[in-house]
Amino acid sequence: MSTQTCASCAKPLLDSSRFCQHCGNAVGVESPTTSLAAATAAGSRFERPASQPVAVSAAPVPPSVTVNLTAPAQQNTVVVLDGNSGPGFGTRAIWFLFVGWWLTFWWIGLAWFLNATIIGLPLGLAMINRVPKVLTLRPDRRTTTVVQAGNTTIVTQTGVRQFSMLVRAIYFVLIGWWASLVFAYTAWLLCVLILTLPIGLLMFNFLPQVTTLRRN
């Protein structure tokens, strides 16, 4: 039995046959189709399939650098203009020389008289609280509070914190009503004497406290 096959149709050939009894191809000669297939198969070993990825060598990428572009925190400057600063020293000195020294004398007498009548007590106390301003146009002190709430700056101005009304009333009934008269005229006398003027002015600044514990 022959083990040789046709190069064209791959069917078994007879031992003595020079041509294939199936397709007629000469024994020992490759068909054009077989040669072309073999050449194509051989060339395919050297061609890159279209679907195969290409390995591309690249330079190493340096690590990324993060740049902080955040703007620096802004500092808010709050300027508070005190609208109750009062007149200047020159104006206050002229007021005292021409008006304050004598007006204060009568002002204290009227305030103490109103206090003695009980009915005029509220007005009398208010007048005593104004003695420093009548004497030298001294303004009242104020407390300035600045509060930062988020992006909002809140500025408030309030008067000086006072004692409770009950404590001030008890003090006035026991001490303030008579001490204020003596203290006030003593301060006024020291102001008139010129040489002791600084002491007299300082005493007048404390007159509201001597009368009703009121803080200026």
Protein backbone atom coordinates (compact mmCIF):
# COMPACT_ATOMS: atom_id res chain seq x y z
CA MET A 1 0.00 0.00 0.00
CA SER A 2 1.36 3.40 -0.93
CA THR A 3 2.13 5.97 1.71
CA GLN A 4 2.86 8.73 -0.84
CA THR A 5 0.22 11.42 -1.26
CA CYS A 6 -0.45 13.91 -4.01
CA ALA A 7 1.04 17.36 -3.40
CA SER A 8 -2.04 18.96 -4.97
CA CYS A 9 -5.05 17.06 -3.58
CA ALA A 10 -3.31 15.19 -0.76
CA LYS A 11 -4.83 11.86 -1.82
CA PRO A 12 -2.82 8.59 -1.83
CA LEU A 13 -0.86 7.75 -4.97
CA LEU A 14 0.02 4.46 -6.49
CA ASP A 15 3.65 3.43 -6.25
CA SER A 16 4.23 3.38 -9.98
CA SER A 17 2.14 6.40 -10.90
CA ARG A 18 3.78 9.45 -12.41
CA PHE A 19 0.55 11.39 -12.28
CA CYS A 20 -2.17 11.57 -9.64
CA GLN A 21 -5.06 9.39 -10.62
CA HIS A 22 -7.39 11.82 -8.80
CA CYS A 23 -6.40 15.32 -9.97
CA GLY A 24 -3.79 14.61 -12.68
CA ASN A 25 -1.00 16.56 -10.98
CA ALA A 26 2.50 15.32 -11.75
CA VAL A 27 4.02 13.38 -8.93
CA GLY A 28 6.89 15.30 -7.25
CA VAL A 29 5.71 18.79 -8.52
CA GLU A 30 4.02 21.30 -6.19
CA SER A 31 0.85 22.96 -7.44
CA PRO A 32 0.79 26.77 -7.80
CA THR A 33 -1.83 27.02 -5.10
CA THR A 34 0.27 25.02 -2.65
CA SER A 35 3.35 27.13 -3.37
CA LEU A 36 1.46 30.35 -2.84
CA ALA A 37 -0.04 29.09 0.45
CA ALA A 38 3.38 27.97 1.64
CA ALA A 39 4.92 31.35 0.76
CA THR A 40 2.11 33.20 2.49
CA ALA A 41 2.48 31.04 5.59
CA ALA A 42 6.23 31.64 5.61
CA GLY A 43 5.81 35.41 5.25
CA SER A 44 3.21 35.56 7.97
CA ARG A 45 5.87 34.48 10.45
CA PHE A 46 7.68 37.75 9.82
CA GLU A 47 4.65 40.07 9.77
CA ARG A 48 3.09 41.58 12.93
CA PRO A 49 -0.59 40.85 13.35
CA ALA A 50 -2.68 44.01 13.26
CA SER A 51 -4.26 43.29 16.63
CA GLN A 52 -0.93 42.80 18.45
CA PRO A 53 0.06 45.88 20.54
CA VAL A 54 3.39 47.52 19.95
CA ALA A 55 5.62 47.98 22.98
CA VAL A 56 7.02 51.51 22.84
CA SER A 57 9.88 52.45 25.09
CA ALA A 58 9.37 55.82 26.79
CA ALA A 59 11.45 57.89 29.14
CA PRO A 60 10.42 57.69 32.79
CA VAL A 61 7.92 60.35 33.76
CA PRO A 62 9.08 62.46 36.72
CA PRO A 63 6.76 62.62 39.72
CA SER A 64 4.17 65.36 39.51
CA VAL A 65 4.79 68.57 41.43
CA THR A 66 1.82 70.14 43.22
CA VAL A 67 1.87 73.95 43.31
CA ASN A 68 -0.20 75.57 46.02
CA LEU A 69 -1.99 78.48 44.39
CA THR A 70 -4.10 79.25 47.40
CA ALA A 71 -4.04 82.96 48.17
CA PRO A 72 -2.67 83.88 51.61
CA ALA A 73 -5.18 84.66 54.30
CA GLN A 74 -6.15 88.32 54.27
CA GLN A 75 -5.90 90.31 57.46
CA ASN A 76 -8.75 92.72 57.98
CA THR A 77 -7.88 96.00 59.61
CA VAL A 78 -10.76 97.57 61.50
CA VAL A 79 -10.50 101.28 62.23
CA VAL A 80 -13.00 102.55 64.77
CA LEU A 81 -13.58 106.28 64.81
CA ASP A 82 -14.80 107.41 68.18
CA GLY A 83 -17.54 109.93 67.51
CA ASN A 84 -17.74 110.81 71.23
CA SER A 85 -14.14 111.98 71.63
CA GLY A 86 -15.36 115.50 72.37
CA PRO A 87 -13.63 118.82 71.76
CA GLY A 88 -9.89 119.36 72.00
CA PHE A 89 -7.91 120.44 75.02
CA GLY A 90 -7.78 124.09 73.95
CA THR A 91 -11.55 124.34 73.59
CA ARG A 92 -12.10 122.69 76.96
CA ALA A 93 -9.61 125.02 78.67
CA ILE A 94 -11.31 128.12 77.24
CA TRP A 95 -14.72 126.78 78.27
CA PHE A 96 -13.53 126.24 81.85
CA LEU A 97 -11.98 129.73 82.15
CA PHE A 98 -14.99 131.63 80.83
CA VAL A 99 -17.99 129.39 81.63
CA GLY A 100 -17.26 126.11 83.40
CA TRP A 101 -15.92 127.34 86.74
CA TRP A 102 -18.95 129.51 87.64
CA LEU A 103 -21.64 127.47 85.86
CA THR A 104 -20.60 124.36 87.78
CA PHE A 105 -21.15 126.15 91.10
CA TRP A 106 -24.80 126.88 90.33
CA TRP A 107 -25.28 123.56 88.57
CA ILE A 108 -24.24 121.61 91.71
CA GLY A 109 -26.47 123.74 93.96
CA LEU A 110 -29.52 123.19 91.76
CA ALA A 111 -28.85 119.44 91.44
CA TRP A 112 -28.51 119.03 95.21
CA PHE A 113 -31.70 121.03 95.80
CA LEU A 114 -33.62 118.77 93.39
CA ASN A 115 -32.29 115.72 95.20
CA ALA A 116 -33.51 117.10 98.52
CA THR A 117 -37.06 117.55 97.18
CA ILE A 118 -37.28 113.78 96.43
CA ILE A 119 -39.69 114.56 93.56
CA GLY A 120 -36.89 116.13 91.52
CA LEU A 121 -34.46 113.35 92.43
CA PRO A 122 -34.21 111.81 88.93
CA LEU A 123 -33.39 115.19 87.38
CA GLY A 124 -30.97 116.07 90.16
CA LEU A 125 -29.03 112.82 89.74
CA ALA A 126 -28.89 113.31 85.98
CA MET A 127 -27.46 116.79 86.52
CA ILE A 128 -24.78 115.47 88.89
CA ASN A 129 -23.78 112.87 86.32
CA ARG A 130 -23.24 115.75 83.86
CA VAL A 131 -21.03 117.84 86.17
CA PRO A 132 -17.71 116.80 84.49
CA LYS A 133 -19.14 117.80 81.11
CA VAL A 134 -20.47 121.13 82.44
CA LEU A 135 -17.12 121.93 84.03
CA THR A 136 -14.70 121.04 81.20
CA LEU A 137 -16.84 119.51 78.40
CA ARG A 138 -15.43 116.10 79.30
CA PRO A 139 -17.09 113.38 77.17
CA ASP A 140 -18.43 110.11 78.57
CA ARG A 141 -16.30 107.02 78.17
CA ARG A 142 -17.45 104.27 75.84
CA THR A 143 -16.44 100.65 75.48
CA THR A 144 -15.71 99.44 71.94
CA THR A 145 -16.25 95.74 71.17
CA VAL A 146 -15.10 94.11 67.90
CA VAL A 147 -16.51 90.65 67.07
CA GLN A 148 -15.47 88.64 63.99
CA ALA A 149 -18.31 86.38 62.74
CA GLY A 150 -17.14 84.61 59.59
CA ASN A 151 -16.55 87.30 56.96
CA THR A 152 -18.48 89.92 58.95
CA THR A 153 -16.91 92.29 61.46
CA ILE A 154 -19.32 93.68 64.05
CA VAL A 155 -18.26 96.81 65.94
CA THR A 156 -20.39 98.00 68.85
CA GLN A 157 -19.92 100.88 71.25
CA THR A 158 -21.58 100.87 74.63
CA GLY A 159 -21.31 102.81 77.84
CA VAL A 160 -19.27 101.67 80.81
CA ARG A 161 -20.84 98.78 82.72
CA GLN A 162 -22.66 100.00 85.82
CA PHE A 163 -23.61 98.54 89.18
CA SER A 164 -27.16 97.32 89.65
CA MET A 165 -29.82 99.97 90.25
CA LEU A 166 -30.67 98.51 93.68
CA VAL A 167 -27.08 98.84 94.94
CA ARG A 168 -26.81 102.39 93.62
CA ALA A 169 -30.13 103.41 95.20
CA ILE A 170 -29.17 102.07 98.63
CA TYR A 171 -25.79 103.80 98.42
CA PHE A 172 -27.38 107.13 97.49
CA VAL A 173 -29.89 107.02 100.35
CA LEU A 174 -27.21 106.23 102.94
CA ILE A 175 -24.19 108.15 101.67
CA GLY A 176 -24.45 109.69 98.24
CA TRP A 177 -27.03 112.47 98.89
CA TRP A 178 -24.90 114.31 101.46
CA ALA A 179 -21.40 113.21 100.35
CA SER A 180 -21.96 114.56 96.86
CA LEU A 181 -22.61 118.10 98.14
CA VAL A 182 -19.44 118.21 100.26
CA PHE A 183 -17.33 116.50 97.59
CA ALA A 184 -18.57 118.73 94.78
CA TYR A 185 -17.98 122.09 96.47
CA THR A 186 -14.59 120.96 97.73
CA ALA A 187 -13.61 120.07 94.17
CA TRP A 188 -14.97 123.40 92.92
CA LEU A 189 -12.93 125.34 95.49
CA LEU A 190 -9.76 123.50 94.46
CA CYS A 191 -10.41 124.42 90.81
CA VAL A 192 -10.88 128.12 91.63
CA LEU A 193 -7.59 128.26 93.54
CA ILE A 194 -5.76 127.53 90.24
CA LEU A 195 -2.73 125.92 91.93
CA THR A 196 -4.85 122.94 92.97
CA LEU A 197 -6.79 122.89 89.67
CA PRO A 198 -5.62 119.39 88.60
CA ILE A 199 -6.83 117.90 91.89
CA GLY A 200 -10.18 119.67 91.61
CA LEU A 201 -10.73 118.46 88.04
CA LEU A 202 -9.85 114.92 89.06
CA MET A 203 -12.35 115.07 91.91
CA PHE A 204 -15.10 116.28 89.57
CA ASN A 205 -14.49 113.30 87.31
CA PHE A 206 -15.33 111.05 90.28
CA LEU A 207 -18.37 113.07 91.42
CA PRO A 208 -20.94 110.75 89.74
CA GLN A 209 -19.38 107.78 91.52
CA VAL A 210 -19.46 109.57 94.88
CA THR A 211 -23.14 110.38 94.34
CA THR A 212 -24.63 107.18 92.89
CA LEU A 213 -21.66 104.89 92.14
CA ARG A 214 -22.07 105.77 88.47
CA ARG A 215 -19.00 104.99 86.38
CA ASN A 216 -18.03 107.53 83.74
